[in-house]
Amino acid sequence: MFTTYRFDHPETDASQTLDARSYLWASLFGPLYALRLGFPVLALLILPISVAITVVAFFGFGLVDWALGSELVTVSALFAVPVAALAAQGIIVIELLRKAYLRAGWQEGY
C-alpha cells in the first residue's frame, strides 16, 4: 500500500526517496510538503484536492452519524474517518509527487 520510490537525477547524481516517512509528511502537510520538495505548481494543485478530501471526510462522518446514530458507530467513525482521509491524502500526494519527479527528468531507481 505504501510503496517506496527512489529517484535519481541523471545530471547531478542527486537522489530522492519517497518512503513511509514521506507518506506521513504528505498526509499531514499535503501542499506544504510538495512545496518543500520544490514543486510549487504541484502544491497549488494539491491544495484544492486537500480541501475536497476534508469536505468529503466531514460530510462522510456526518452522514454516518445521521444514518446509523449508534454511539459506538459514531465514536468509531470519529477516529476512522480522519485516519482514512489522511491516508488518502498521503497516497494521492505521493503519487502526484512521483509523476512530478518523472516529468522533471528524474529517473526512477531500484
PDB file of N, CA and C in Angstrom:
ATOM      1  N   MET A   1       0.818  -1.177   0.000  1.00  0.00           N
ATOM      2  CA  MET A   1       0.000   0.000   0.000  1.00  0.00           C
ATOM      3  C   MET A   1       0.872   1.255   0.000  1.00  0.00           C
ATOM      4  N   PHE A   2       1.887   1.305   0.835  1.00  0.00           N
ATOM      5  CA  PHE A   2       2.780   2.455   0.870  1.00  0.00           C
ATOM      6  C   PHE A   2       4.086   2.071   0.186  1.00  0.00           C
ATOM      7  N   THR A   3       4.102   2.197  -1.120  1.00  0.00           N
ATOM      8  CA  THR A   3       5.253   1.815  -1.915  1.00  0.00           C
ATOM      9  C   THR A   3       6.375   2.838  -1.750  1.00  0.00           C
ATOM     10  N   THR A   4       7.605   2.348  -1.689  1.00  0.00           N
ATOM     11  CA  THR A   4       8.771   3.228  -1.614  1.00  0.00           C
ATOM     12  C   THR A   4       9.267   3.499  -3.026  1.00  0.00           C
ATOM     13  N   TYR A   5       9.525   4.776  -3.312  1.00  0.00           N
ATOM     14  CA  TYR A   5      10.041   5.184  -4.615  1.00  0.00           C
ATOM     15  C   TYR A   5      11.393   5.854  -4.420  1.00  0.00           C
ATOM     16  N   ARG A   6      12.308   5.556  -5.313  1.00  0.00           N
ATOM     17  CA  ARG A   6      13.618   6.208  -5.285  1.00  0.00           C
ATOM     18  C   ARG A   6      13.860   6.830  -6.646  1.00  0.00           C
ATOM     19  N   PHE A   7      14.305   8.075  -6.636  1.00  0.00           N
ATOM     20  CA  PHE A   7      14.547   8.802  -7.872  1.00  0.00           C
ATOM     21  C   PHE A   7      15.990   9.270  -7.904  1.00  0.00           C
ATOM     22  N   ASP A   8      16.595   9.161  -9.085  1.00  0.00           N
ATOM     23  CA  ASP A   8      17.960   9.616  -9.296  1.00  0.00           C
ATOM     24  C   ASP A   8      17.957  10.679 -10.377  1.00  0.00           C
ATOM     25  N   HIS A   9      18.677  11.762 -10.116  1.00  0.00           N
ATOM     26  CA  HIS A   9      18.798  12.818 -11.123  1.00  0.00           C
ATOM     27  C   HIS A   9      19.955  12.440 -12.045  1.00  0.00           C
ATOM     28  N   PRO A  10      19.709  12.372 -13.360  1.00  0.00           N
ATOM     29  CA  PRO A  10      20.743  11.884 -14.276  1.00  0.00           C
ATOM     30  C   PRO A  10      21.949  12.816 -14.416  1.00  0.00           C
ATOM     31  N   GLU A  11      21.797  14.097 -14.132  1.00  0.00           N
ATOM     32  CA  GLU A  11      22.897  15.032 -14.344  1.00  0.00           C
ATOM     33  C   GLU A  11      23.654  15.380 -13.065  1.00  0.00           C
ATOM     34  N   THR A  12      22.966  15.461 -11.954  1.00  0.00           N
ATOM     35  CA  THR A  12      23.601  15.944 -10.717  1.00  0.00           C
ATOM     36  C   THR A  12      23.960  14.833  -9.743  1.00  0.00           C
ATOM     37  N   ASP A  13      23.585  13.618 -10.028  1.00  0.00           N
ATOM     38  CA  ASP A  13      23.845  12.478  -9.147  1.00  0.00           C
ATOM     39  C   ASP A  13      23.105  12.584  -7.813  1.00  0.00           C
ATOM     40  N   ALA A  14      22.105  13.445  -7.749  1.00  0.00           N
ATOM     41  CA  ALA A  14      21.287  13.564  -6.544  1.00  0.00           C
ATOM     42  C   ALA A  14      20.250  12.450  -6.531  1.00  0.00           C
ATOM     43  N   SER A  15      19.793  12.105  -5.347  1.00  0.00           N
ATOM     44  CA  SER A  15      18.736  11.094  -5.242  1.00  0.00           C
ATOM     45  C   SER A  15      17.706  11.555  -4.226  1.00  0.00           C
ATOM     46  N   GLN A  16      16.507  11.079  -4.402  1.00  0.00           N
ATOM     47  CA  GLN A  16      15.387  11.408  -3.517  1.00  0.00           C
ATOM     48  C   GLN A  16      14.584  10.135  -3.288  1.00  0.00           C
ATOM     49  N   THR A  17      14.208   9.882  -2.061  1.00  0.00           N
ATOM     50  CA  THR A  17      13.428   8.703  -1.728  1.00  0.00           C
ATOM     51  C   THR A  17      12.093   9.131  -1.130  1.00  0.00           C
ATOM     52  N   LEU A  18      11.035   8.538  -1.623  1.00  0.00           N
ATOM     53  CA  LEU A  18       9.704   8.728  -1.055  1.00  0.00           C
ATOM     54  C   LEU A  18       9.339   7.417  -0.370  1.00  0.00           C
ATOM     55  N   ASP A  19       9.392   7.426   0.951  1.00  0.00           N
ATOM     56  CA  ASP A  19       9.157   6.201   1.715  1.00  0.00           C
ATOM     57  C   ASP A  19       8.016   6.405   2.703  1.00  0.00           C
ATOM     58  N   ALA A  20       7.925   5.562   3.705  1.00  0.00           N
ATOM     59  CA  ALA A  20       6.826   5.634   4.674  1.00  0.00           C
ATOM     60  C   ALA A  20       6.802   6.976   5.399  1.00  0.00           C
ATOM     61  N   ARG A  21       7.963   7.519   5.696  1.00  0.00           N
ATOM     62  CA  ARG A  21       8.029   8.826   6.349  1.00  0.00           C
ATOM     63  C   ARG A  21       7.468   9.918   5.423  1.00  0.00           C
ATOM     64  N   SER A  22       7.722   9.791   4.138  1.00  0.00           N
ATOM     65  CA  SER A  22       7.184  10.745   3.166  1.00  0.00           C
ATOM     66  C   SER A  22       5.664  10.692   3.128  1.00  0.00           C
ATOM     67  N   TYR A  23       5.107   9.488   3.230  1.00  0.00           N
ATOM     68  CA  TYR A  23       3.649   9.354   3.281  1.00  0.00           C
ATOM     69  C   TYR A  23       3.084  10.078   4.503  1.00  0.00           C
ATOM     70  N   LEU A  24       3.778   9.955   5.622  1.00  0.00           N
ATOM     71  CA  LEU A  24       3.325  10.624   6.842  1.00  0.00           C
ATOM     72  C   LEU A  24       3.323  12.143   6.659  1.00  0.00           C
ATOM     73  N   TRP A  25       4.439  12.698   6.158  1.00  0.00           N
ATOM     74  CA  TRP A  25       4.517  14.145   5.954  1.00  0.00           C
ATOM     75  C   TRP A  25       3.528  14.608   4.897  1.00  0.00           C
ATOM     76  N   ALA A  26       3.350  13.817   3.835  1.00  0.00           N
ATOM     77  CA  ALA A  26       2.377  14.176   2.797  1.00  0.00           C
ATOM     78  C   ALA A  26       0.958  14.136   3.357  1.00  0.00           C
ATOM     79  N   SER A  27       0.681  13.192   4.238  1.00  0.00           N
ATOM     80  CA  SER A  27      -0.644  13.110   4.859  1.00  0.00           C
ATOM     81  C   SER A  27      -0.936  14.322   5.722  1.00  0.00           C
ATOM     82  N   LEU A  28       0.040  14.709   6.508  1.00  0.00           N
ATOM     83  CA  LEU A  28      -0.178  15.787   7.467  1.00  0.00           C
ATOM     84  C   LEU A  28      -0.111  17.174   6.840  1.00  0.00           C
ATOM     85  N   PHE A  29       0.797  17.361   5.885  1.00  0.00           N
ATOM     86  CA  PHE A  29       1.049  18.699   5.373  1.00  0.00           C
ATOM     87  C   PHE A  29       0.731  18.898   3.901  1.00  0.00           C
ATOM     88  N   GLY A  30       0.411  17.857   3.166  1.00  0.00           N
ATOM     89  CA  GLY A  30      -0.033  17.926   1.773  1.00  0.00           C
ATOM     90  C   GLY A  30       0.700  18.918   0.892  1.00  0.00           C
ATOM     91  N   PRO A  31       0.078  20.080   0.608  1.00  0.00           N
ATOM     92  CA  PRO A  31       0.687  21.046  -0.303  1.00  0.00           C
ATOM     93  C   PRO A  31       2.019  21.606   0.208  1.00  0.00           C
ATOM     94  N   LEU A  32       2.154  21.777   1.511  1.00  0.00           N
ATOM     95  CA  LEU A  32       3.405  22.290   2.060  1.00  0.00           C
ATOM     96  C   LEU A  32       4.556  21.312   1.840  1.00  0.00           C
ATOM     97  N   TYR A  33       4.256  20.024   1.875  1.00  0.00           N
ATOM     98  CA  TYR A  33       5.282  19.017   1.628  1.00  0.00           C
ATOM     99  C   TYR A  33       5.750  19.076   0.170  1.00  0.00           C
ATOM    100  N   ALA A  34       4.813  19.228  -0.755  1.00  0.00           N
ATOM    101  CA  ALA A  34       5.181  19.361  -2.173  1.00  0.00           C
ATOM    102  C   ALA A  34       5.994  20.634  -2.389  1.00  0.00           C
ATOM    103  N   LEU A  35       5.625  21.695  -1.716  1.00  0.00           N
ATOM    104  CA  LEU A  35       6.352  22.955  -1.824  1.00  0.00           C
ATOM    105  C   LEU A  35       7.772  22.799  -1.274  1.00  0.00           C
ATOM    106  N   ARG A  36       7.907  22.095  -0.178  1.00  0.00           N
ATOM    107  CA  ARG A  36       9.220  21.857   0.423  1.00  0.00           C
ATOM    108  C   ARG A  36      10.131  21.063  -0.511  1.00  0.00           C
ATOM    109  N   LEU A  37       9.552  20.156  -1.280  1.00  0.00           N
ATOM    110  CA  LEU A  37      10.351  19.354  -2.207  1.00  0.00           C
ATOM    111  C   LEU A  37      10.653  20.089  -3.508  1.00  0.00           C
ATOM    112  N   GLY A  38      10.115  21.300  -3.662  1.00  0.00           N
ATOM    113  CA  GLY A  38      10.454  22.101  -4.827  1.00  0.00           C
ATOM    114  C   GLY A  38       9.461  22.050  -5.966  1.00  0.00           C
ATOM    115  N   PHE A  39       8.207  21.769  -5.680  1.00  0.00           N
ATOM    116  CA  PHE A  39       7.172  21.704  -6.702  1.00  0.00           C
ATOM    117  C   PHE A  39       6.042  22.679  -6.368  1.00  0.00           C
ATOM    118  N   PRO A  40       6.237  23.988  -6.607  1.00  0.00           N
ATOM    119  CA  PRO A  40       5.216  24.972  -6.217  1.00  0.00           C
ATOM    120  C   PRO A  40       3.918  24.856  -7.012  1.00  0.00           C
ATOM    121  N   VAL A  41       3.986  24.522  -8.296  1.00  0.00           N
ATOM    122  CA  VAL A  41       2.763  24.383  -9.087  1.00  0.00           C
ATOM    123  C   VAL A  41       1.968  23.168  -8.611  1.00  0.00           C
ATOM    124  N   LEU A  42       2.675  22.109  -8.288  1.00  0.00           N
ATOM    125  CA  LEU A  42       2.007  20.916  -7.765  1.00  0.00           C
ATOM    126  C   LEU A  42       1.357  21.211  -6.411  1.00  0.00           C
ATOM    127  N   ALA A  43       2.006  22.034  -5.602  1.00  0.00           N
ATOM    128  CA  ALA A  43       1.425  22.415  -4.313  1.00  0.00           C
ATOM    129  C   ALA A  43       0.092  23.140  -4.515  1.00  0.00           C
ATOM    130  N   LEU A  44       0.030  23.985  -5.534  1.00  0.00           N
ATOM    131  CA  LEU A  44      -1.234  24.673  -5.835  1.00  0.00           C
ATOM    132  C   LEU A  44      -2.300  23.703  -6.316  1.00  0.00           C
ATOM    133  N   LEU A  45      -1.887  22.642  -7.001  1.00  0.00           N
ATOM    134  CA  LEU A  45      -2.833  21.619  -7.449  1.00  0.00           C
ATOM    135  C   LEU A  45      -3.327  20.780  -6.272  1.00  0.00           C
ATOM    136  N   ILE A  46      -2.456  20.511  -5.339  1.00  0.00           N
ATOM    137  CA  ILE A  46      -2.808  19.671  -4.195  1.00  0.00           C
ATOM    138  C   ILE A  46      -3.741  20.399  -3.234  1.00  0.00           C
ATOM    139  N   LEU A  47      -3.649  21.700  -3.164  1.00  0.00           N
ATOM    140  CA  LEU A  47      -4.472  22.473  -2.229  1.00  0.00           C
ATOM    141  C   LEU A  47      -5.969  22.201  -2.385  1.00  0.00           C
ATOM    142  N   PRO A  48      -6.561  22.317  -3.592  1.00  0.00           N
ATOM    143  CA  PRO A  48      -7.989  22.005  -3.696  1.00  0.00           C
ATOM    144  C   PRO A  48      -8.305  20.520  -3.470  1.00  0.00           C
ATOM    145  N   ILE A  49      -7.346  19.658  -3.778  1.00  0.00           N
ATOM    146  CA  ILE A  49      -7.546  18.229  -3.513  1.00  0.00           C
ATOM    147  C   ILE A  49      -7.644  18.001  -2.005  1.00  0.00           C
ATOM    148  N   SER A  50      -6.784  18.652  -1.230  1.00  0.00           N
ATOM    149  CA  SER A  50      -6.822  18.531   0.229  1.00  0.00           C
ATOM    150  C   SER A  50      -8.126  19.072   0.799  1.00  0.00           C
ATOM    151  N   VAL A  51      -8.578  20.190   0.247  1.00  0.00           N
ATOM    152  CA  VAL A  51      -9.856  20.756   0.694  1.00  0.00           C
ATOM    153  C   VAL A  51     -10.995  19.793   0.381  1.00  0.00           C
ATOM    154  N   ALA A  52     -10.976  19.199  -0.813  1.00  0.00           N
ATOM    155  CA  ALA A  52     -12.026  18.249  -1.193  1.00  0.00           C
ATOM    156  C   ALA A  52     -12.030  17.027  -0.281  1.00  0.00           C
ATOM    157  N   ILE A  53     -10.850  16.520   0.052  1.00  0.00           N
ATOM    158  CA  ILE A  53     -10.765  15.366   0.957  1.00  0.00           C
ATOM    159  C   ILE A  53     -11.333  15.735   2.328  1.00  0.00           C
ATOM    160  N   THR A  54     -11.025  16.927   2.804  1.00  0.00           N
ATOM    161  CA  THR A  54     -11.538  17.381   4.100  1.00  0.00           C
ATOM    162  C   THR A  54     -13.053  17.501   4.085  1.00  0.00           C
ATOM    163  N   VAL A  55     -13.600  18.072   3.022  1.00  0.00           N
ATOM    164  CA  VAL A  55     -15.056  18.243   2.910  1.00  0.00           C
ATOM    165  C   VAL A  55     -15.746  16.882   2.839  1.00  0.00           C
ATOM    166  N   VAL A  56     -15.208  15.971   2.041  1.00  0.00           N
ATOM    167  CA  VAL A  56     -15.801  14.636   1.929  1.00  0.00           C
ATOM    168  C   VAL A  56     -15.737  13.904   3.271  1.00  0.00           C
ATOM    169  N   ALA A  57     -14.619  14.031   3.984  1.00  0.00           N
ATOM    170  CA  ALA A  57     -14.499  13.377   5.289  1.00  0.00           C
ATOM    171  C   ALA A  57     -15.498  13.959   6.287  1.00  0.00           C
ATOM    172  N   PHE A  58     -15.648  15.283   6.280  1.00  0.00           N
ATOM    173  CA  PHE A  58     -16.582  15.929   7.195  1.00  0.00           C
ATOM    174  C   PHE A  58     -18.013  15.484   6.920  1.00  0.00           C
ATOM    175  N   PHE A  59     -18.432  15.538   5.648  1.00  0.00           N
ATOM    176  CA  PHE A  59     -19.792  15.124   5.325  1.00  0.00           C
ATOM    177  C   PHE A  59     -19.976  13.623   5.446  1.00  0.00           C
ATOM    178  N   GLY A  60     -18.922  12.858   5.191  1.00  0.00           N
ATOM    179  CA  GLY A  60     -19.000  11.409   5.381  1.00  0.00           C
ATOM    180  C   GLY A  60     -19.241  11.046   6.828  1.00  0.00           C
ATOM    181  N   PHE A  61     -18.533  11.721   7.725  1.00  0.00           N
ATOM    182  CA  PHE A  61     -18.752  11.489   9.151  1.00  0.00           C
ATOM    183  C   PHE A  61     -20.172  11.882   9.549  1.00  0.00           C
ATOM    184  N   GLY A  62     -20.630  13.029   9.066  1.00  0.00           N
ATOM    185  CA  GLY A  62     -21.997  13.473   9.371  1.00  0.00           C
ATOM    186  C   GLY A  62     -23.037  12.509   8.857  1.00  0.00           C
ATOM    187  N   LEU A  63     -22.809  11.971   7.659  1.00  0.00           N
ATOM    188  CA  LEU A  63     -23.751  11.018   7.072  1.00  0.00           C
ATOM    189  C   LEU A  63     -23.795   9.728   7.885  1.00  0.00           C
ATOM    190  N   VAL A  64     -22.631   9.231   8.274  1.00  0.00           N
ATOM    191  CA  VAL A  64     -22.589   8.010   9.091  1.00  0.00           C
ATOM    192  C   VAL A  64     -23.277   8.248  10.425  1.00  0.00           C
ATOM    193  N   ASP A  65     -23.011   9.378  11.038  1.00  0.00           N
ATOM    194  CA  ASP A  65     -23.628   9.701  12.325  1.00  0.00           C
ATOM    195  C   ASP A  65     -25.144   9.823  12.194  1.00  0.00           C
ATOM    196  N   TRP A  66     -25.596  10.480  11.144  1.00  0.00           N
ATOM    197  CA  TRP A  66     -27.034  10.678  10.942  1.00  0.00           C
ATOM    198  C   TRP A  66     -27.736   9.378  10.582  1.00  0.00           C
ATOM    199  N   ALA A  67     -27.148   8.587   9.693  1.00  0.00           N
ATOM    200  CA  ALA A  67     -27.811   7.374   9.203  1.00  0.00           C
ATOM    201  C   ALA A  67     -27.839   6.266  10.255  1.00  0.00           C
ATOM    202  N   LEU A  68     -26.780   6.106  10.995  1.00  0.00           N
ATOM    203  CA  LEU A  68     -26.718   4.981  11.923  1.00  0.00           C
ATOM    204  C   LEU A  68     -27.040   5.386  13.355  1.00  0.00           C
ATOM    205  N   GLY A  69     -26.586   6.532  13.777  1.00  0.00           N
ATOM    206  CA  GLY A  69     -26.976   7.083  15.072  1.00  0.00           C
ATOM    207  C   GLY A  69     -26.514   6.337  16.301  1.00  0.00           C
ATOM    208  N   SER A  70     -25.841   5.247  16.161  1.00  0.00           N
ATOM    209  CA  SER A  70     -25.357   4.497  17.316  1.00  0.00           C
ATOM    210  C   SER A  70     -24.131   5.195  17.903  1.00  0.00           C
ATOM    211  N   GLU A  71     -24.040   5.209  19.229  1.00  0.00           N
ATOM    212  CA  GLU A  71     -22.893   5.849  19.870  1.00  0.00           C
ATOM    213  C   GLU A  71     -21.593   5.139  19.528  1.00  0.00           C
ATOM    214  N   LEU A  72     -21.621   3.823  19.462  1.00  0.00           N
ATOM    215  CA  LEU A  72     -20.428   3.053  19.132  1.00  0.00           C
ATOM    216  C   LEU A  72     -19.957   3.370  17.712  1.00  0.00           C
ATOM    217  N   VAL A  73     -20.896   3.428  16.778  1.00  0.00           N
ATOM    218  CA  VAL A  73     -20.551   3.737  15.393  1.00  0.00           C
ATOM    219  C   VAL A  73     -20.042   5.167  15.293  1.00  0.00           C
ATOM    220  N   THR A  74     -20.642   6.094  16.010  1.00  0.00           N
ATOM    221  CA  THR A  74     -20.219   7.486  15.981  1.00  0.00           C
ATOM    222  C   THR A  74     -18.801   7.635  16.512  1.00  0.00           C
ATOM    223  N   VAL A  75     -18.494   6.989  17.618  1.00  0.00           N
ATOM    224  CA  VAL A  75     -17.145   7.059  18.181  1.00  0.00           C
ATOM    225  C   VAL A  75     -16.143   6.391  17.240  1.00  0.00           C
ATOM    226  N   SER A  76     -16.521   5.255  16.677  1.00  0.00           N
ATOM    227  CA  SER A  76     -15.637   4.572  15.726  1.00  0.00           C
ATOM    228  C   SER A  76     -15.375   5.442  14.504  1.00  0.00           C
ATOM    229  N   ALA A  77     -16.440   6.046  13.988  1.00  0.00           N
ATOM    230  CA  ALA A  77     -16.299   6.907  12.812  1.00  0.00           C
ATOM    231  C   ALA A  77     -15.484   8.151  13.140  1.00  0.00           C
ATOM    232  N   LEU A  78     -15.586   8.621  14.369  1.00  0.00           N
ATOM    233  CA  LEU A  78     -14.830   9.801  14.785  1.00  0.00           C
ATOM    234  C   LEU A  78     -13.325   9.560  14.662  1.00  0.00           C
ATOM    235  N   PHE A  79     -12.898   8.341  14.859  1.00  0.00           N
ATOM    236  CA  PHE A  79     -11.485   8.008  14.714  1.00  0.00           C
ATOM    237  C   PHE A  79     -11.148   7.508  13.310  1.00  0.00           C
ATOM    238  N   ALA A  80     -12.035   6.717  12.712  1.00  0.00           N
ATOM    239  CA  ALA A  80     -11.739   6.095  11.422  1.00  0.00           C
ATOM    240  C   ALA A  80     -11.759   7.074  10.256  1.00  0.00           C
ATOM    241  N   VAL A  81     -12.685   8.006  10.248  1.00  0.00           N
ATOM    242  CA  VAL A  81     -12.817   8.926   9.109  1.00  0.00           C
ATOM    243  C   VAL A  81     -11.590   9.828   8.961  1.00  0.00           C
ATOM    244  N   PRO A  82     -11.092  10.473  10.016  1.00  0.00           N
ATOM    245  CA  PRO A  82      -9.879  11.288   9.829  1.00  0.00           C
ATOM    246  C   PRO A  82      -8.655  10.465   9.417  1.00  0.00           C
ATOM    247  N   VAL A  83      -8.528   9.264   9.963  1.00  0.00           N
ATOM    248  CA  VAL A  83      -7.395   8.413   9.590  1.00  0.00           C
ATOM    249  C   VAL A  83      -7.487   8.039   8.111  1.00  0.00           C
ATOM    250  N   ALA A  84      -8.667   7.681   7.652  1.00  0.00           N
ATOM    251  CA  ALA A  84      -8.855   7.345   6.243  1.00  0.00           C
ATOM    252  C   ALA A  84      -8.606   8.553   5.344  1.00  0.00           C
ATOM    253  N   ALA A  85      -9.043   9.724   5.778  1.00  0.00           N
ATOM    254  CA  ALA A  85      -8.825  10.945   4.985  1.00  0.00           C
ATOM    255  C   ALA A  85      -7.333  11.270   4.898  1.00  0.00           C
ATOM    256  N   LEU A  86      -6.620  11.150   6.010  1.00  0.00           N
ATOM    257  CA  LEU A  86      -5.183  11.409   5.985  1.00  0.00           C
ATOM    258  C   LEU A  86      -4.443  10.388   5.125  1.00  0.00           C
ATOM    259  N   ALA A  87      -4.840   9.121   5.201  1.00  0.00           N
ATOM    260  CA  ALA A  87      -4.209   8.092   4.371  1.00  0.00           C
ATOM    261  C   ALA A  87      -4.463   8.372   2.888  1.00  0.00           C
ATOM    262  N   ALA A  88      -5.682   8.755   2.554  1.00  0.00           N
ATOM    263  CA  ALA A  88      -5.999   9.077   1.162  1.00  0.00           C
ATOM    264  C   ALA A  88      -5.164  10.258   0.680  1.00  0.00           C
ATOM    265  N   GLN A  89      -5.050  11.288   1.501  1.00  0.00           N
ATOM    266  CA  GLN A  89      -4.251  12.442   1.101  1.00  0.00           C
ATOM    267  C   GLN A  89      -2.791  12.053   0.903  1.00  0.00           C
ATOM    268  N   GLY A  90      -2.246  11.261   1.802  1.00  0.00           N
ATOM    269  CA  GLY A  90      -0.854  10.832   1.677  1.00  0.00           C
ATOM    270  C   GLY A  90      -0.601  10.066   0.393  1.00  0.00           C
ATOM    271  N   ILE A  91      -1.487   9.144   0.075  1.00  0.00           N
ATOM    272  CA  ILE A  91      -1.325   8.341  -1.138  1.00  0.00           C
ATOM    273  C   ILE A  91      -1.435   9.212  -2.381  1.00  0.00           C
ATOM    274  N   ILE A  92      -2.401  10.102  -2.414  1.00  0.00           N
ATOM    275  CA  ILE A  92      -2.587  10.977  -3.573  1.00  0.00           C
ATOM    276  C   ILE A  92      -1.394  11.907  -3.760  1.00  0.00           C
ATOM    277  N   VAL A  93      -0.922  12.513  -2.683  1.00  0.00           N
ATOM    278  CA  VAL A  93       0.205  13.444  -2.776  1.00  0.00           C
ATOM    279  C   VAL A  93       1.465  12.724  -3.238  1.00  0.00           C
ATOM    280  N   ILE A  94       1.743  11.560  -2.713  1.00  0.00           N
ATOM    281  CA  ILE A  94       2.945  10.818  -3.117  1.00  0.00           C
ATOM    282  C   ILE A  94       2.861  10.418  -4.585  1.00  0.00           C
ATOM    283  N   GLU A  95       1.696   9.990  -5.046  1.00  0.00           N
ATOM    284  CA  GLU A  95       1.559   9.633  -6.464  1.00  0.00           C
ATOM    285  C   GLU A  95       1.763  10.851  -7.362  1.00  0.00           C
ATOM    286  N   LEU A  96       1.232  12.001  -6.953  1.00  0.00           N
ATOM    287  CA  LEU A  96       1.437  13.220  -7.734  1.00  0.00           C
ATOM    288  C   LEU A  96       2.908  13.637  -7.706  1.00  0.00           C
ATOM    289  N   LEU A  97       3.572  13.497  -6.570  1.00  0.00           N
ATOM    290  CA  LEU A  97       4.999  13.804  -6.491  1.00  0.00           C
ATOM    291  C   LEU A  97       5.814  12.852  -7.359  1.00  0.00           C
ATOM    292  N   ARG A  98       5.441  11.596  -7.379  1.00  0.00           N
ATOM    293  CA  ARG A  98       6.136  10.616  -8.226  1.00  0.00           C
ATOM    294  C   ARG A  98       6.067  11.036  -9.691  1.00  0.00           C
ATOM    295  N   LYS A  99       4.878  11.408 -10.134  1.00  0.00           N
ATOM    296  CA  LYS A  99       4.725  11.848 -11.522  1.00  0.00           C
ATOM    297  C   LYS A  99       5.482  13.143 -11.783  1.00  0.00           C
ATOM    298  N   ALA A 100       5.514  14.032 -10.788  1.00  0.00           N
ATOM    299  CA  ALA A 100       6.236  15.298 -10.948  1.00  0.00           C
ATOM    300  C   ALA A 100       7.740  15.060 -11.075  1.00  0.00           C
ATOM    301  N   TYR A 101       8.282  14.156 -10.289  1.00  0.00           N
ATOM    302  CA  TYR A 101       9.699  13.832 -10.408  1.00  0.00           C
ATOM    303  C   TYR A 101      10.015  13.262 -11.786  1.00  0.00           C
ATOM    304  N   LEU A 102       9.172  12.369 -12.270  1.00  0.00           N
ATOM    305  CA  LEU A 102       9.414  11.776 -13.587  1.00  0.00           C
ATOM    306  C   LEU A 102       9.326  12.833 -14.687  1.00  0.00           C
ATOM    307  N   ARG A 103       8.376  13.748 -14.590  1.00  0.00           N
ATOM    308  CA  ARG A 103       8.247  14.818 -15.586  1.00  0.00           C
ATOM    309  C   ARG A 103       9.421  15.791 -15.530  1.00  0.00           C
ATOM    310  N   ALA A 104      10.022  15.935 -14.351  1.00  0.00           N
ATOM    311  CA  ALA A 104      11.155  16.839 -14.200  1.00  0.00           C
ATOM    312  C   ALA A 104      12.464  16.215 -14.669  1.00  0.00           C
ATOM    313  N   GLY A 105      12.399  14.994 -15.165  1.00  0.00           N
ATOM    314  CA  GLY A 105      13.594  14.349 -15.715  1.00  0.00           C
ATOM    315  C   GLY A 105      14.308  13.390 -14.789  1.00  0.00           C
ATOM    316  N   TRP A 106      13.806  13.205 -13.592  1.00  0.00           N
ATOM    317  CA  TRP A 106      14.408  12.262 -12.667  1.00  0.00           C
ATOM    318  C   TRP A 106      14.084  10.841 -13.154  1.00  0.00           C
ATOM    319  N   GLN A 107      14.986   9.925 -12.881  1.00  0.00           N
ATOM    320  CA  GLN A 107      14.774   8.532 -13.263  1.00  0.00           C
ATOM    321  C   GLN A 107      14.432   7.727 -12.023  1.00  0.00           C
ATOM    322  N   GLU A 108      13.453   6.852 -12.186  1.00  0.00           N
ATOM    323  CA  GLU A 108      13.059   6.027 -11.046  1.00  0.00           C
ATOM    324  C   GLU A 108      14.094   4.945 -10.838  1.00  0.00           C
ATOM    325  N   GLY A 109      14.665   4.915  -9.628  1.00  0.00           N
ATOM    326  CA  GLY A 109      15.697   3.952  -9.296  1.00  0.00           C
ATOM    327  C   GLY A 109      15.128   2.672  -8.718  1.00  0.00           C
ATOM    328  N   TYR A 110      16.010   1.779  -8.373  1.00  0.00           N
ATOM    329  CA  TYR A 110      15.582   0.482  -7.847  1.00  0.00           C
ATOM    330  C   TYR A 110      16.269   0.180  -6.551  1.00  0.00           C
TER     331      TYR A 110
END
